[in-house]
Amino acid sequence: MVDRVGILSLISRLKQSQFVRRVMTVFTGSVFAQLMPLLAAPALTRLYSPDDFGIFALYYSVITISGVLATGRYEMAITLPKDEQDAAAVFLLSILSSVFFCLLLVVGTGIWQSSLNGYLGAEENSSLIFWIPLGALGIASFRVFSYWAIYRARFRGLAIGKVVQAGGIAGLQLSAGGISLAGGLVAGQVAGHLLGALYLFIRTVSADLYLLKQVARDRLLSVARGYYKFPLLSLPASLANTLTSQLPVIMLSLYFGPTVVGLFALTQRALGAPIALLGVSVQEVFREQASRDFRQTGSCRDIYMKTFKALTALALLPFLLLFIFAPLLFEFVFGSEWRAAGDYTRLLITLFFLRFIASPLSYVLYIAEKQLHDLVWQIGLLLITGVSLVAGGLLNDPTLSIAFYAGSYSVMYLIYLVMSYRYSERREDDCRRRL
């Protein structure tokens, strides 16, 4: 009876917890957003070949890297100011940076169109190159609008925005494949990002246009200087992280061609689902509460440990089952030519398990203003994973290349977890420096 009362009391407290309600709101949107590409994947793998997926993965790597550069990482500072006009100024600064960068990208792709098409293996469809600036703008805008939604605690709008984006991507890629449109994977992905960004703007930003119009040039310059660590330190760190995540696509393409890249890309797509399903949802709410706790008390360790334990418990069984059944599962769901992607999945299980736990907690380093530590770690990660991929390439073995990559990445994630735990509580030397 006591146990039953205790359980009912716990359930009651969870229902009343604002943190839990927000997690569930974003989680629900993420569930639907991740179900769409997962449900579309079996059809996509029958409409497009591994080579098509390989070319798409290479294009999307360039788009993703460009999307990181576009904002200068100022969007990560949107949730930090106490004054809403300062937050609006950071938001506007992020948008202006994105637009300016993407205009430069249009000029660059026009000048070096031939060379870029040759590198990306799309000489037969040269117009694909012009999706890169649009894709970068879509990614950058969606991120900026998402951070504004978090700042305003508009988690319902953010959740629906994820669904709109995912549904747009899946629907457009399937439609393009159905009519055998060349480059349909690239075009559908980019158009879906833009559609999601448009929805987020209407739902979570448009109500605050009055606030954005009040931002003066002096305030823009003030927040640009005040949050200089984000472009100076966070941007290189994020760029290193993005390069690291996209490095397998680039290096595997260089050494083994588009088929291996396509198989690896499907593996990333499948393993990315459980991470995005809950990990990203928790991360977005964790940022808001951890930032507030750290501002008020100098510590976010309590919410850090709660999040760490919950993610670890949630991930164990699904990842274990995936390790056991991956090859059979991939062959059954995606077709016989994709079985090798299941073998790659086994090699990457540990890496994605640790990423599922570490990624939501990584924002602690930004809250604690330890961007330099993050930068050093990101550069180390880029170097060690790059060497691992090259070693496998020189041995002319894609399996070894992926195994080396996964092992080195996993070790670095363990180091990152130790770092984020350490800085989840303000240290005495930090307090002295602030004084």
Foldseek 3Di string as FASTA:
>chain_A
DVVVVVVVVVVVVLVVDPLNVLLVLLLVLLQLLLVLCVVLQQVLLVLDPLLLLLLLLVLVLLLVLLLLQQQLQLLLCLQQDPDNLLSLLSLVSSLVSNVVSLVVQQVVCVVCLVVVCVLSVNPVPSVLSNLSSLQSSLSSLLSSLLSLCLNVVVSNLNSVLSNQLSNQLSVQLSVCSVVVNPPSNSVSNSVSSNRSSVSSCVPRPPVCVVSNVPRDPVSSVVSCVVPVCSSVQVSLLVSLQSCLVSVVSSLCCVQPNSSLSSLQSVLCSVLVSVLSSNLVSSLSSLLNVLLVCCVVPQFDLVVLVVLLVVLLVVLPVVLVVLLVCQLVVCCVRRHPSNSVSSVLNNLQSLLSSLCSRQVSLLCLCVSLVVSNVSSVLSNVLSVQLNVLLVVCSVVSHSSSSSNSNNVSSNVSSVVSVVVSSVSSGPDPVSVVVVD
